[in-house]
Every structure is written in C-alpha cells, then in structure tokens.
Protein backbone atom coordinates (compact mmCIF):
# COMPACT_ATOMS: atom_id res chain seq x y z
CA MET A 1 -40.02 -4.59 -37.64
CA GLU A 2 -43.32 -3.19 -36.43
CA THR A 3 -45.01 -0.42 -38.33
CA ILE A 4 -47.12 2.30 -36.77
CA GLU A 5 -50.24 0.62 -38.15
CA GLU A 6 -49.31 -2.69 -36.54
CA GLU A 7 -48.69 -0.95 -33.23
CA ILE A 8 -52.16 0.60 -33.30
CA MET A 9 -53.73 -2.74 -34.19
CA THR A 10 -51.90 -4.38 -31.30
CA LYS A 11 -53.33 -1.82 -28.93
CA GLN A 12 -56.83 -2.26 -30.35
CA SER A 13 -56.65 -6.02 -30.07
CA LEU A 14 -55.85 -5.73 -26.37
CA LEU A 15 -58.99 -3.68 -25.93
CA ARG A 16 -61.12 -6.51 -27.33
CA ILE A 17 -60.91 -8.36 -24.00
CA PRO A 18 -64.53 -8.91 -22.85
CA GLU A 19 -65.68 -5.90 -20.85
CA GLU A 20 -67.39 -8.08 -18.25
CA LEU A 21 -63.92 -9.23 -17.20
CA LEU A 22 -62.18 -5.91 -16.99
CA LEU A 23 -62.24 -2.61 -15.22
CA THR A 24 -59.76 -0.52 -17.16
CA ILE A 25 -58.03 2.53 -15.81
CA ALA A 26 -56.52 4.02 -18.94
CA VAL A 27 -53.97 6.54 -17.73
CA SER A 28 -52.48 8.36 -20.69
CA LEU A 29 -49.37 10.18 -19.47
CA CYS A 30 -48.34 11.87 -22.64
CA PHE A 31 -46.56 15.08 -23.59
CA PHE A 32 -48.38 15.45 -26.86
CA CYS A 33 -51.59 13.39 -26.52
CA SER A 34 -54.78 14.01 -24.62
CA THR A 35 -57.71 11.72 -23.81
CA GLY A 36 -61.25 12.60 -22.95
CA GLY A 37 -63.93 10.70 -21.09
CA ALA A 38 -67.54 10.74 -19.99
CA ALA A 39 -69.23 9.69 -16.78
CA ILE A 40 -69.85 5.97 -16.28
CA ALA A 41 -73.24 4.77 -17.40
CA GLY A 42 -74.84 1.34 -17.69
CA ASN A 43 -74.38 -1.85 -15.72
CA THR A 44 -71.68 -2.48 -13.15
CA PRO A 45 -68.98 -4.78 -14.57
CA THR A 46 -69.29 -8.41 -13.54
CA PRO A 47 -66.63 -9.63 -11.07
CA LEU A 48 -63.68 -11.49 -12.52
CA THR A 49 -64.86 -14.62 -10.72
CA SER A 50 -68.03 -15.28 -8.76
CA LYS A 51 -65.93 -17.03 -6.13
CA ASP A 52 -63.82 -14.15 -4.93
CA SER A 53 -65.76 -11.23 -6.48
CA THR A 54 -62.63 -9.40 -7.57
CA TYR A 55 -62.09 -7.21 -10.57
CA GLN A 56 -59.08 -6.70 -12.80
CA VAL A 57 -57.88 -3.12 -13.21
CA MET A 58 -55.54 -2.14 -16.04
CA LEU A 59 -53.64 1.13 -15.91
CA SER A 60 -51.77 2.34 -18.99
CA ILE A 61 -48.89 4.81 -18.91
CA GLU A 62 -47.59 6.80 -21.85
CA GLY A 63 -44.22 8.63 -21.70
CA PRO A 64 -41.99 10.43 -21.22
CA TRP A 65 -41.87 8.68 -17.89
CA ALA A 66 -39.43 6.51 -16.01
CA TYR A 67 -40.64 4.01 -13.47
CA ALA A 68 -39.06 2.05 -10.63
CA VAL A 69 -40.26 -0.54 -8.16
CA ASP A 70 -39.41 0.96 -4.77
CA LYS A 71 -39.22 -2.17 -2.59
CA ALA A 72 -38.25 -0.19 0.48
CA ASN A 73 -41.62 1.60 0.43
CA ASN A 74 -43.66 -1.10 -1.33
CA ARG A 75 -44.69 1.12 -4.21
CA LEU A 76 -44.21 1.73 -7.92
CA VAL A 77 -42.92 5.23 -8.67
CA LEU A 78 -43.37 7.19 -11.90
CA ILE A 79 -41.10 10.16 -12.62
CA ALA A 80 -41.44 12.78 -15.37
CA PRO A 81 -39.89 16.21 -15.99
CA ASP A 82 -41.77 19.38 -15.07
CA ASP A 83 -41.62 21.09 -18.46
CA LYS A 84 -43.08 24.54 -17.82
CA THR A 85 -41.88 25.82 -21.20
CA GLY A 86 -43.62 23.29 -23.39
CA HIS A 87 -46.39 21.61 -21.42
CA TYR A 88 -49.12 22.17 -18.88
CA PRO A 89 -49.03 20.13 -15.65
CA PRO A 90 -50.55 16.65 -15.95
CA THR A 91 -54.28 16.52 -15.15
CA THR A 92 -56.60 13.71 -14.10
CA SER A 93 -60.08 13.43 -15.59
CA THR A 94 -62.85 12.41 -13.20
CA SER A 95 -66.58 11.69 -13.44
CA ASP A 96 -67.64 13.84 -10.48
CA ASP A 97 -65.67 17.06 -10.74
CA ASP A 98 -66.00 19.71 -13.43
CA THR A 99 -62.41 20.81 -12.86
CA ASP A 100 -59.86 18.14 -13.65
CA PRO A 101 -57.37 17.98 -10.76
CA HIS A 102 -53.70 18.56 -11.51
CA LEU A 103 -50.95 16.29 -10.32
CA LYS A 104 -48.64 17.95 -7.85
CA ASN A 105 -44.87 17.70 -8.01
CA ASP A 106 -45.37 14.95 -5.42
CA SER A 107 -48.60 12.98 -5.84
CA GLN A 108 -50.02 9.67 -4.68
CA LEU A 109 -52.71 7.69 -6.48
CA THR A 110 -54.39 4.91 -4.51
CA ILE A 111 -56.64 2.37 -6.17
CA ASN A 112 -59.46 1.84 -3.68
CA SER A 113 -60.22 -1.72 -2.55
CA TYR A 114 -56.78 -2.70 -3.86
CA VAL A 115 -55.81 -6.36 -3.43
CA ALA A 116 -52.04 -6.74 -3.02
CA PRO A 117 -50.47 -9.26 -5.42
CA GLY A 118 -48.78 -12.40 -4.18
CA SER A 119 -45.97 -11.56 -6.59
CA SER A 120 -45.29 -8.93 -9.24
CA THR A 121 -43.72 -9.24 -12.69
CA CYS A 122 -43.02 -5.53 -13.13
CA GLU A 123 -39.32 -5.99 -12.56
CA GLN A 124 -38.98 -8.31 -15.53
CA LEU A 125 -37.26 -6.71 -18.52
CA ASP A 126 -39.31 -8.46 -21.19
CA ILE A 127 -41.80 -5.62 -21.75
CA SER A 128 -39.50 -3.65 -24.07
CA THR A 129 -38.86 -0.71 -21.76
CA TYR A 130 -35.34 0.68 -21.76
CA PRO A 131 -33.51 -0.70 -18.69
CA ALA A 132 -31.23 1.54 -16.64
CA ASN A 133 -29.69 1.35 -13.20
CA ILE A 134 -29.97 4.15 -10.68
CA SER A 135 -28.35 4.28 -7.27
CA ASP A 136 -30.55 4.34 -4.20
CA LYS A 137 -28.90 7.64 -3.29
CA THR A 138 -29.88 9.26 -6.61
CA PHE A 139 -33.38 7.78 -6.47
CA LEU A 140 -33.96 9.19 -2.99
CA ALA A 141 -32.61 12.59 -4.02
CA VAL A 142 -34.95 12.75 -7.05
CA THR A 143 -38.05 11.50 -5.22
CA LYS A 144 -37.53 13.41 -1.98
CA ALA A 145 -40.69 15.31 -1.09
CA GLY A 146 -40.62 18.94 -2.08
CA GLY A 147 -38.39 18.40 -5.09
CA LYS A 148 -38.64 20.73 -8.06
CA GLY A 149 -38.31 20.23 -11.80
CA ARG A 150 -40.06 16.86 -11.84
CA TYR A 151 -43.32 15.05 -11.13
CA VAL A 152 -43.29 12.01 -8.88
CA LEU A 153 -46.39 9.82 -8.81
CA SER A 154 -46.60 6.95 -6.32
CA LEU A 155 -48.78 3.94 -7.19
CA PRO A 156 -49.49 0.57 -5.57
CA ILE A 157 -47.42 -2.42 -6.69
CA PRO A 158 -49.30 -3.97 -9.66
CA ASP A 159 -49.87 -7.63 -10.40
CA SER A 160 -48.00 -7.37 -13.69
CA CYS A 161 -46.73 -5.05 -16.42
CA ALA A 162 -46.97 -5.37 -20.19
CA SER A 163 -46.25 -3.35 -23.31
CA LEU A 164 -49.18 -1.84 -25.21
CA LYS A 165 -47.28 0.04 -27.90
CA ARG A 166 -43.70 0.21 -29.14
CA PHE A 167 -41.75 2.50 -31.43
CA SER A 168 -38.39 2.06 -33.12
CA SER A 169 -35.45 3.92 -31.58
CA LYS A 170 -31.95 3.40 -30.20
CA VAL A 171 -30.64 4.49 -26.80
CA SER A 172 -26.97 5.01 -25.97
CA THR A 173 -25.15 5.75 -22.74
CA THR A 174 -22.73 8.01 -24.68
CA TRP A 175 -23.34 10.63 -27.38
CA TRP A 176 -23.02 9.25 -30.89
CA THR A 177 -19.93 11.28 -31.86
CA ASP A 178 -18.18 11.09 -28.48
CA GLN A 179 -14.60 9.84 -28.82
CA ASN A 180 -15.37 7.12 -26.26
CA HIS A 181 -18.56 6.02 -27.98
CA HIS A 182 -18.71 2.28 -28.67
CA VAL A 183 -21.28 0.02 -30.24
CA SER A 184 -21.63 -1.75 -26.88
CA ASP A 185 -23.08 1.50 -25.45
CA VAL A 186 -26.13 1.17 -27.69
CA LYS A 187 -29.33 -0.80 -27.13
CA GLY A 188 -31.81 -1.01 -29.99
CA GLY A 189 -35.59 -1.05 -29.79
CA PRO A 190 -38.38 -0.94 -30.56
CA PHE A 191 -39.08 0.29 -27.05
CA SER A 192 -42.36 0.60 -25.22
CA THR A 193 -44.00 4.00 -25.37
CA ILE A 194 -47.12 2.80 -23.54
CA ILE A 195 -47.04 0.22 -20.75
CA GLN A 196 -49.92 -1.41 -18.97
CA LEU A 197 -50.12 -2.17 -15.26
CA THR A 198 -52.65 -4.76 -14.08
CA TYR A 199 -54.25 -4.59 -10.63
CA THR A 200 -56.87 -6.55 -8.71
CA VAL A 201 -59.58 -4.79 -6.67
CA ALA A 202 -62.29 -6.12 -4.38
CA SER A 203 -64.90 -3.50 -5.35
CA LEU A 204 -65.55 -0.68 -7.79
CA SER A 205 -64.97 2.16 -5.36
CA GLY A 206 -62.90 4.43 -7.59
CA PHE A 207 -59.50 5.89 -6.81
CA THR A 208 -57.97 8.45 -4.49
CA LEU A 209 -55.55 11.13 -5.68
CA ASP A 210 -53.72 13.13 -3.02
CA GLY A 211 -56.41 12.44 -0.42
CA GLN A 212 -59.41 13.19 -2.65
CA THR A 213 -61.60 10.32 -3.88
CA TYR A 214 -62.92 10.37 -7.45
CA GLY A 215 -65.17 8.27 -9.62
CA PHE A 216 -64.22 6.82 -12.98
CA THR A 217 -64.86 8.23 -16.44
CA THR A 218 -65.40 6.09 -19.51
CA ASN A 219 -63.32 5.76 -22.65
CA ASN A 220 -65.10 3.85 -25.42
CA GLY A 221 -67.46 2.45 -22.83
CA ILE A 222 -64.69 1.30 -20.50
CA PRO A 223 -64.42 2.78 -16.97
CA SER A 224 -61.23 4.83 -16.97
CA ILE A 225 -59.04 7.61 -15.66
CA ALA A 226 -57.13 9.82 -18.09
CA ILE A 227 -54.02 11.58 -16.86
CA THR A 228 -52.85 13.92 -19.60
CA MET A 229 -49.95 16.32 -20.04
CA SER A 230 -51.07 18.63 -22.81
CA PRO A 231 -48.69 20.79 -24.85
CA ASN A 232 -48.62 24.52 -24.27
CA ASN A 233 -49.32 25.51 -27.87
CA GLN A 234 -47.96 29.01 -27.33
CA ASN A 235 -44.52 27.63 -26.57
CA ALA A 236 -44.40 24.15 -28.17
CA ILE A 237 -42.77 25.24 -31.42
CA TRP A 238 -40.36 22.38 -32.18
CA PRO A 239 -40.81 20.77 -35.59
CA GLY A 240 -42.03 17.27 -36.42
CA THR A 241 -38.90 16.69 -38.49
CA CYS A 242 -36.23 14.64 -36.66
CA ASP A 243 -38.64 13.83 -33.79
CA ILE A 244 -37.35 17.00 -32.12
CA GLY A 245 -40.18 17.00 -29.58
CA SER A 246 -39.47 13.42 -28.54
CA ARG A 247 -35.72 14.02 -28.36
CA ARG A 248 -36.27 17.13 -26.23
CA ALA A 249 -38.70 15.38 -23.88
CA PHE A 250 -36.31 12.44 -23.40
CA LYS A 251 -33.50 14.88 -22.61
CA LEU A 252 -35.61 16.63 -19.98
CA LEU A 253 -36.42 13.26 -18.39
CA ILE A 254 -32.76 12.25 -18.23
CA ASP A 255 -31.81 15.70 -16.90
CA VAL A 256 -34.01 15.02 -13.86
CA PHE A 257 -31.60 12.26 -12.81
CA ARG A 258 -28.49 13.90 -14.19
CA SER A 259 -29.10 16.90 -11.92
CA LYS A 260 -28.49 14.57 -8.97
CA ASP A 261 -25.86 12.33 -10.58
CA SER A 262 -23.68 13.82 -13.33
CA SER A 263 -22.66 10.36 -14.53
CA PHE A 264 -26.22 9.43 -15.45
CA ALA A 265 -26.48 9.85 -19.23
CA LEU A 266 -28.79 8.44 -21.91
CA PHE A 267 -29.41 9.63 -25.48
CA GLU A 268 -32.26 8.47 -27.72
CA ASP A 269 -32.04 8.45 -31.52
CA PHE A 270 -34.91 7.90 -33.94
CA PRO A 271 -34.89 6.40 -37.44
CA GLN A 272 -36.05 7.85 -40.71
CA ALA A 273 -39.72 7.53 -41.60
CA ASP A 274 -39.09 3.94 -42.79
CA HIS A 275 -38.56 2.97 -39.09
CA THR A 276 -35.29 1.18 -39.90
CA THR A 277 -32.70 3.59 -41.34
CA TYR A 278 -30.53 5.58 -38.92
CA ASP A 279 -28.10 8.33 -39.91
CA LYS A 280 -26.54 11.47 -38.45
CA TRP A 281 -28.63 14.03 -40.34
CA CYS A 282 -30.59 15.08 -37.24
CA TRP A 283 -27.74 15.18 -34.71
CA ASP A 284 -26.79 18.83 -35.28
CA TYR A 285 -30.36 19.85 -34.44
CA ASP A 286 -30.80 17.45 -31.50
CA PRO A 287 -31.44 19.13 -28.10
CA GLN A 288 -29.63 16.16 -26.53
CA ASN A 289 -26.36 16.98 -28.33
CA PRO A 290 -23.86 17.85 -25.55
CA ASN A 291 -21.86 19.87 -28.08
CA GLY A 292 -24.84 21.83 -29.26
CA SER A 293 -27.48 24.13 -27.86
CA PRO A 294 -30.77 23.09 -26.25
CA ASN A 295 -32.39 25.33 -28.87
CA ALA A 296 -30.38 23.95 -31.80
CA PHE A 297 -33.66 22.83 -33.37
CA LYS A 298 -34.27 26.49 -34.25
CA LYS A 299 -31.47 26.12 -36.79
CA LEU A 300 -33.47 23.35 -38.42
CA MET A 301 -36.60 25.49 -38.42
CA ASP A 302 -34.70 28.43 -39.92
CA ASN A 303 -33.22 26.21 -42.65
CA LEU A 304 -36.62 24.75 -43.50
CA SER A 305 -38.26 28.18 -43.57
CA LYS A 306 -35.56 29.77 -45.72
CA ARG A 307 -35.54 26.99 -48.29
CA VAL A 308 -39.34 26.76 -48.44
CA GLN A 309 -39.55 30.51 -49.06
CA ARG A 310 -37.08 30.27 -51.95
CA LEU A 311 -38.96 27.31 -53.40
CA ARG A 312 -42.28 29.12 -53.09
CA ALA A 313 -40.83 32.15 -54.86
CA PHE A 314 -39.68 29.93 -57.74
CA ILE A 315 -43.08 28.26 -58.10
CA GLU A 316 -44.87 31.61 -58.08
CA HIS A 317 -42.41 33.35 -60.45
CA PRO A 318 -40.21 30.73 -62.16
CA GLY A 319 -38.85 33.26 -64.61
CA ALA A 320 -37.68 35.66 -61.91
CA SER A 321 -35.82 33.16 -59.71
CA LYS A 322 -33.84 29.95 -60.09
CA LEU A 323 -34.58 26.61 -58.52
CA LYS A 324 -31.72 25.62 -56.23
CA GLN A 325 -31.14 21.88 -56.23
CA ALA A 326 -29.50 22.21 -52.80
CA ASP A 327 -32.85 23.43 -51.45
CA VAL A 328 -34.68 20.51 -53.04
CA GLN A 329 -32.19 17.98 -51.63
CA TYR A 330 -32.40 19.50 -48.15
CA LEU A 331 -36.19 19.42 -48.15
CA LYS A 332 -36.16 15.82 -49.40
CA ALA A 333 -33.89 14.90 -46.47
CA ALA A 334 -36.24 16.68 -44.08
CA ALA A 335 -39.15 14.65 -45.47
CA LEU A 336 -37.21 11.40 -44.94
CA HIS A 337 -36.67 12.37 -41.30
CA THR A 338 -40.26 13.36 -40.62
CA PRO A 339 -42.22 10.46 -39.06
CA ALA A 340 -45.60 11.89 -40.10
CA HIS A 341 -47.69 9.58 -42.26
CA GLY A 342 -47.66 12.23 -44.97
CA ASN A 343 -44.42 11.06 -46.52
CA VAL A 344 -46.31 9.60 -49.47
CA SER A 345 -47.70 13.07 -50.20
CA ALA A 346 -44.18 14.49 -49.78
CA GLU A 347 -42.90 12.13 -52.45
CA ALA A 348 -45.78 13.20 -54.68
CA PHE A 349 -44.89 16.85 -54.11
CA PHE A 350 -41.28 16.41 -55.28
CA LYS A 351 -42.46 14.38 -58.28
CA ASP A 352 -44.93 17.12 -59.21
CA LEU A 353 -42.22 19.73 -58.70
CA ALA A 354 -40.00 17.98 -61.26
CA ILE A 355 -42.91 17.89 -63.72
CA PHE A 356 -43.56 21.59 -63.10
CA VAL A 357 -39.92 22.46 -63.85
CA ASP A 358 -40.09 20.58 -67.15
CA SER A 359 -43.38 22.12 -68.30
CA GLN A 360 -42.75 25.87 -68.25
CA SER A 361 -44.37 26.33 -71.66
CA ASP A 362 -47.45 24.29 -70.74
CA SER A 363 -50.75 26.14 -71.20
CA ASN A 364 -51.97 24.62 -67.91
CA LEU A 365 -49.01 26.05 -65.99
CA SER A 366 -51.20 28.36 -63.86
CA ARG A 367 -53.37 25.48 -62.67
CA LYS A 368 -50.31 23.32 -61.97
CA ARG A 369 -48.76 26.19 -60.01
CA HIS A 370 -51.86 26.50 -57.81
CA PHE A 371 -51.88 22.75 -57.15
CA LEU A 372 -48.15 22.66 -56.40
CA LEU A 373 -48.39 25.55 -53.91
CA ALA A 374 -51.13 23.65 -52.05
CA GLU A 375 -48.83 20.60 -51.89
CA LEU A 376 -46.03 22.81 -50.58
CA ASP A 377 -48.32 24.02 -47.79
CA ASP A 378 -49.05 20.40 -46.87
CA PHE A 379 -45.32 19.71 -46.78
CA VAL A 380 -44.73 22.67 -44.46
CA HIS A 381 -47.39 21.43 -42.04
CA MET A 382 -45.95 17.91 -42.12
CA THR A 383 -42.44 19.03 -41.21
CA SER A 384 -43.35 21.78 -38.74
CA ASP A 385 -46.11 20.18 -36.68
CA GLY A 386 -44.67 18.07 -33.85
CA ALA A 387 -48.01 17.31 -32.18
CA GLY A 388 -48.82 13.70 -31.41
CA ALA A 389 -45.19 12.58 -31.29
CA CYS A 390 -45.34 10.33 -28.21
CA ARG A 391 -42.33 8.25 -29.25
CA LYS A 392 -40.02 8.45 -26.24
CA ALA A 393 -39.01 5.16 -24.68
CA VAL A 394 -40.37 4.43 -21.23
CA VAL A 395 -37.34 3.95 -18.96
CA HIS A 396 -37.35 1.13 -16.41
CA LEU A 397 -35.10 2.05 -13.49
CA THR A 398 -33.59 -0.62 -11.28
CA ILE A 399 -32.54 0.77 -7.90
CA THR A 400 -29.07 -0.40 -6.87
CA ALA A 401 -27.22 -0.06 -3.57
CA SER A 402 -24.72 2.79 -3.34
CA HIS A 403 -21.09 1.81 -2.80
C-alpha cells in the first residue's frame, strides 16, 4: 500500500529525467491546488534526437476530471464540473500575459508543432484511473458546444498516458447501504489523482488556447503551463475530516453525466488516515449520500464545533464543567478520519488531555492548560481545513455505442 510520502517521491523521481530530453507542460487541474511559474530563461532544450529534431512534451492532469478518447473527432477530451459555489474557473498561466486566461466552458488547447503519434496507449487501463463506460449519446450531450455546468477541454491525442500520483479509495456503482449493493459493484484503488500525457513536437513554438497563442512558463526550471482551479475561500467551508471536499468534488463530476443519463452513478469512499481501513463513520456526512443532503457535511461541522467548545470549556475551567467521554470519543473518531499529516499531533493531544485530567492538583496545571489549549487549536485546524485535498480519482471514460 502506497503512503503519501511514497507518492510524492514517485512524482519527484519522474521529474529527475534529464532536462535536455524533455519539454514538460505541467498542467495542474486541481480543485484545491495551485501552481505558479516564471518566464522561460536560459538555453533552449536540446531535441530528443539530432536525427529528427523532435521534442517530448509531458502534460500532467490533476482531478477532479474525467477523460475520454474521442475517436470520432480524433481528440482527447477532459471534462470537469463548473463549481461556482466552491471554486473559481480554471486559469492558464502564461509567460507573455499578465492576466492568466480562463478556460471557457468549451475550450481547445492545441500544442503547436504537434507530431501525431503512430499509435496511442491512452486507452489502456493500466494507469490506475477508474474505468467507466459512457454511451456515445451521453458523451455527445455532455460535450455539446454551449453546455452549462461543466468545463470541456479538447486536446490532441497523446503518444501515451501514465500515472504520476495515486491515492487510496474505493469506487462503487451503487451507494454503500443500498439494498441492491453488492461487493461486485466495488473497485478498489489506489487510483490515479494525477495522470501524465506525453506528446511529441517538432519545435518549441508554445501552445494555443482558444485561438490565442502563448509562451511557456517554468516550474522548477522546466518549461510548463499551469492550469489551476483555485478554491473560492469565501465559500469553500467543507472540513478536512472525511475528505468531504474530495467526496463533494467527485459527486459534482458524476452529476455532470448523471444530468444527461440518470443511470450513470459512481460513489467514491476514502479510508481512515492509515490509508487502509474503511468504515461507515463518514457516510452520514457524505454529500454523495442519495439519502442525505448535499450539505450534510454541515452536521459534521456542527458536531465538531459543539464538542470542541465543550472540551475547551472543561480545559479552561475543569471545576465548573465535566469532561464528556462521548465528546472525546467523537473527536478521536474525527481525527482517525482526517487525512491530514497531523494525526501524530492529534494522538499527542488526546494523550496530554488524559494526563491533564489526572493532574488537577498539579502546581503546573496553569502551564499545562495553556499548552493543551494550543494543541486543541491545532486539532481544530487539522479537522476543519480541507485545502490541498486533491484525492479524487481521475475517471477514464470509454465511449460505447448506444443501443
């Protein structure tokens, strides 16, 4: 089972490929992550081979996106939800424009001097994306020009696709408590959250987005493009506990297709912070729950807030209030279901809390109280901050003929 650290190291190792061999377009399509860049400086990258003077271009994509190879139109299509409540429209960083251009609901990105591949491996299912079938009728309805509620980005067919990063999750075609739910409905990960497309170009002439040509930026010295979908911090209030942000984003993605085909259904579940243990603790708060409310996560936030307030009151005035073990157990469960790397500090907090309870006559109680309140603040931030949670599986759609 991969850990987060191993995933990051895998990504870093891929970036150690000699720069003279690669022109990298790093496209980070992420609901919670943003990438910056600076104008290209220095020498022009050496061609991949002196014989044909071509360059390799690598384009990375980070969810929540679905992609399909549209053979009828000889293109690769990316689809994402238009989440006006929680996120700004995706933007593209460039080296020659102070204002980063936004993607439209229908956009086309052309890699200039593109060399078409003799064959493509992007339809292979060995890159850990979640595979799903979609009818040609539904695909056309979703990607039809002028559509609302989604972003559609058309790209050239790449030479190949690969996984750059994976995260543990499970995806089911039925809700977990549905009476018709069966183990055969479930496919386990880890699934790709970042995929890499490889292209070949004949020259370093940049890229064209919706008819406008742009130069590249650099990311760690590598020529790049960064397409980001930044959170709207005024509205993005879902907690880090239970991967609520990732669950919500996956639901919005699936709703894009479900709006055209009511039978299209997928549900993603995430493990505890150990990356292996699954349970039902988060289901009542899950925006994907068909028996719940899209805003059910507010119940989780209210529960966390109420129990933290009671615990804070006890720490500040232990003689005036009683410690409720139910509050402690609930907050421990919340910590287990929070994928932040602060779980070690959460364990330390509950250990220190137990020591505090047993040392009410200690002369150093005031100092311990101050320290424990600071740990409680850290715990609150860990469970309430959902930023950086790009854990949704990339969905690979295979277009099938309608019957």
